[in-house]
Amino acid sequence: MKMKEIRELSVNDLDGRVKDLAEEYFKLRFQHGIRPLENTARLKQLKKTIARMKTVIAQRRLAAD
């Protein structure tokens, strides 16, 4: 996801998406430990997307205070 798309989501939506993506990231890491993945770049993409979402959540919570 691009930052523009992420910023359009509400904090509740972002929290839900972060949980879903973190679960997917965990499963992919586990599968990669057992056997090689076809697309290892997906791990990096998920990790960065999760970080972007957490950054936007933190910014909004700080702005709310």
N, C-alpha and C. Protein backbone atom coordinates (compact mmCIF):
# COMPACT_ATOMS: atom_id res chain seq x y z
N MET A 1 0.84 -1.19 0.00
CA MET A 1 0.00 0.00 0.00
C MET A 1 0.88 1.24 0.00
N LYS A 2 0.37 2.24 -0.63
CA LYS A 2 1.08 3.51 -0.67
C LYS A 2 0.63 4.35 0.53
N MET A 3 1.47 5.32 0.88
CA MET A 3 1.17 6.16 2.04
C MET A 3 -0.13 6.91 1.86
N LYS A 4 -0.44 7.32 0.65
CA LYS A 4 -1.69 8.04 0.39
C LYS A 4 -2.89 7.17 0.77
N GLU A 5 -2.85 5.90 0.40
CA GLU A 5 -3.93 4.97 0.72
C GLU A 5 -4.01 4.72 2.22
N ILE A 6 -2.86 4.62 2.85
CA ILE A 6 -2.81 4.35 4.29
C ILE A 6 -3.39 5.53 5.06
N ARG A 7 -3.05 6.74 4.66
CA ARG A 7 -3.53 7.94 5.37
C ARG A 7 -5.03 8.12 5.26
N GLU A 8 -5.65 7.54 4.24
CA GLU A 8 -7.09 7.67 4.05
C GLU A 8 -7.88 6.77 5.00
N LEU A 9 -7.23 5.77 5.60
CA LEU A 9 -7.90 4.83 6.48
C LEU A 9 -8.02 5.40 7.90
N SER A 10 -9.03 4.94 8.62
CA SER A 10 -9.18 5.36 10.01
C SER A 10 -8.23 4.56 10.90
N VAL A 11 -8.07 5.00 12.12
CA VAL A 11 -7.16 4.32 13.06
C VAL A 11 -7.64 2.89 13.32
N ASN A 12 -8.96 2.70 13.46
CA ASN A 12 -9.49 1.36 13.70
C ASN A 12 -9.21 0.43 12.52
N ASP A 13 -9.39 0.95 11.30
CA ASP A 13 -9.09 0.15 10.12
C ASP A 13 -7.61 -0.19 10.05
N LEU A 14 -6.77 0.77 10.39
CA LEU A 14 -5.33 0.53 10.38
C LEU A 14 -4.93 -0.53 11.40
N ASP A 15 -5.53 -0.46 12.59
CA ASP A 15 -5.22 -1.46 13.61
C ASP A 15 -5.58 -2.86 13.12
N GLY A 16 -6.74 -2.98 12.50
CA GLY A 16 -7.17 -4.28 11.97
C GLY A 16 -6.25 -4.78 10.87
N ARG A 17 -5.87 -3.89 9.99
CA ARG A 17 -4.98 -4.28 8.88
C ARG A 17 -3.59 -4.66 9.40
N VAL A 18 -3.11 -3.94 10.41
CA VAL A 18 -1.80 -4.27 10.98
C VAL A 18 -1.82 -5.68 11.56
N LYS A 19 -2.88 -6.02 12.26
CA LYS A 19 -3.00 -7.37 12.83
C LYS A 19 -3.02 -8.43 11.73
N ASP A 20 -3.79 -8.18 10.67
CA ASP A 20 -3.87 -9.13 9.56
C ASP A 20 -2.53 -9.30 8.86
N LEU A 21 -1.87 -8.19 8.59
CA LEU A 21 -0.58 -8.25 7.90
C LEU A 21 0.50 -8.88 8.78
N ALA A 22 0.45 -8.61 10.08
CA ALA A 22 1.43 -9.22 10.99
C ALA A 22 1.25 -10.74 11.03
N GLU A 23 0.00 -11.18 10.99
CA GLU A 23 -0.27 -12.62 10.97
C GLU A 23 0.24 -13.24 9.66
N GLU A 24 0.00 -12.56 8.55
CA GLU A 24 0.49 -13.05 7.26
C GLU A 24 2.02 -13.08 7.23
N TYR A 25 2.65 -12.05 7.79
CA TYR A 25 4.11 -11.99 7.85
C TYR A 25 4.67 -13.15 8.67
N PHE A 26 4.02 -13.43 9.80
CA PHE A 26 4.46 -14.53 10.66
C PHE A 26 4.37 -15.86 9.91
N LYS A 27 3.26 -16.08 9.21
CA LYS A 27 3.07 -17.34 8.47
C LYS A 27 4.11 -17.49 7.36
N LEU A 28 4.38 -16.39 6.65
CA LEU A 28 5.38 -16.45 5.59
C LEU A 28 6.77 -16.73 6.14
N ARG A 29 7.11 -16.11 7.26
CA ARG A 29 8.42 -16.37 7.89
C ARG A 29 8.54 -17.83 8.29
N PHE A 30 7.46 -18.37 8.84
CA PHE A 30 7.44 -19.76 9.26
C PHE A 30 7.62 -20.68 8.04
N GLN A 31 6.87 -20.41 6.98
CA GLN A 31 6.98 -21.21 5.76
C GLN A 31 8.38 -21.11 5.16
N HIS A 32 8.97 -19.93 5.22
CA HIS A 32 10.31 -19.73 4.67
C HIS A 32 11.34 -20.52 5.47
N GLY A 33 11.11 -20.73 6.73
CA GLY A 33 12.01 -21.53 7.54
C GLY A 33 11.96 -23.00 7.18
N ILE A 34 10.80 -23.44 6.72
CA ILE A 34 10.63 -24.85 6.35
C ILE A 34 11.13 -25.12 4.94
N ARG A 35 10.72 -24.25 4.02
CA ARG A 35 11.12 -24.40 2.63
C ARG A 35 11.21 -23.02 1.99
N PRO A 36 11.98 -22.90 0.92
CA PRO A 36 12.11 -21.58 0.28
C PRO A 36 10.78 -21.08 -0.29
N LEU A 37 10.58 -19.79 -0.18
CA LEU A 37 9.39 -19.16 -0.75
C LEU A 37 9.63 -18.83 -2.22
N GLU A 38 8.53 -18.76 -2.98
CA GLU A 38 8.66 -18.36 -4.38
C GLU A 38 9.01 -16.88 -4.48
N ASN A 39 8.38 -16.06 -3.61
CA ASN A 39 8.57 -14.62 -3.66
C ASN A 39 9.04 -14.13 -2.29
N THR A 40 10.34 -14.13 -2.08
CA THR A 40 10.87 -13.71 -0.78
C THR A 40 10.76 -12.20 -0.59
N ALA A 41 10.58 -11.46 -1.67
CA ALA A 41 10.43 -10.00 -1.57
C ALA A 41 9.14 -9.64 -0.82
N ARG A 42 8.19 -10.54 -0.80
CA ARG A 42 6.92 -10.29 -0.10
C ARG A 42 7.16 -10.06 1.39
N LEU A 43 8.15 -10.73 1.97
CA LEU A 43 8.48 -10.53 3.38
C LEU A 43 8.87 -9.07 3.63
N LYS A 44 9.73 -8.54 2.78
CA LYS A 44 10.19 -7.17 2.93
C LYS A 44 9.04 -6.18 2.73
N GLN A 45 8.18 -6.46 1.75
CA GLN A 45 7.05 -5.59 1.48
C GLN A 45 6.10 -5.53 2.67
N LEU A 46 5.79 -6.69 3.24
CA LEU A 46 4.90 -6.74 4.39
C LEU A 46 5.48 -5.99 5.58
N LYS A 47 6.77 -6.21 5.82
CA LYS A 47 7.43 -5.56 6.95
C LYS A 47 7.37 -4.04 6.83
N LYS A 48 7.63 -3.53 5.63
CA LYS A 48 7.60 -2.09 5.42
C LYS A 48 6.18 -1.53 5.50
N THR A 49 5.21 -2.25 4.98
CA THR A 49 3.83 -1.79 5.04
C THR A 49 3.34 -1.72 6.48
N ILE A 50 3.68 -2.72 7.27
CA ILE A 50 3.31 -2.73 8.69
C ILE A 50 3.94 -1.52 9.39
N ALA A 51 5.19 -1.25 9.10
CA ALA A 51 5.88 -0.11 9.71
C ALA A 51 5.23 1.21 9.31
N ARG A 52 4.85 1.33 8.05
CA ARG A 52 4.18 2.56 7.59
C ARG A 52 2.86 2.77 8.33
N MET A 53 2.09 1.69 8.46
CA MET A 53 0.80 1.80 9.13
C MET A 53 0.98 2.17 10.60
N LYS A 54 1.94 1.55 11.26
CA LYS A 54 2.19 1.87 12.67
C LYS A 54 2.65 3.31 12.83
N THR A 55 3.40 3.83 11.87
CA THR A 55 3.85 5.21 11.91
C THR A 55 2.66 6.17 11.83
N VAL A 56 1.73 5.90 10.91
CA VAL A 56 0.55 6.75 10.77
C VAL A 56 -0.31 6.68 12.02
N ILE A 57 -0.46 5.50 12.60
CA ILE A 57 -1.23 5.35 13.84
C ILE A 57 -0.60 6.18 14.95
N ALA A 58 0.72 6.09 15.09
CA ALA A 58 1.42 6.85 16.13
C ALA A 58 1.28 8.35 15.91
N GLN A 59 1.39 8.81 14.67
CA GLN A 59 1.24 10.22 14.37
C GLN A 59 -0.14 10.72 14.75
N ARG A 60 -1.14 9.95 14.42
CA ARG A 60 -2.53 10.37 14.73
C ARG A 60 -2.78 10.38 16.23
N ARG A 61 -2.24 9.42 16.94
CA ARG A 61 -2.44 9.39 18.40
C ARG A 61 -1.72 10.55 19.07
N LEU A 62 -0.56 10.92 18.57
CA LEU A 62 0.16 12.06 19.12
C LEU A 62 -0.58 13.36 18.82
N ALA A 63 -1.14 13.45 17.64
CA ALA A 63 -1.87 14.66 17.25
C ALA A 63 -3.17 14.80 18.05
N ALA A 64 -3.73 13.68 18.48
CA ALA A 64 -4.97 13.71 19.25
C ALA A 64 -4.74 14.21 20.68
N ASP A 65 -3.54 14.06 21.18
CA ASP A 65 -3.25 14.49 22.56
C ASP A 65 -3.10 15.96 22.70
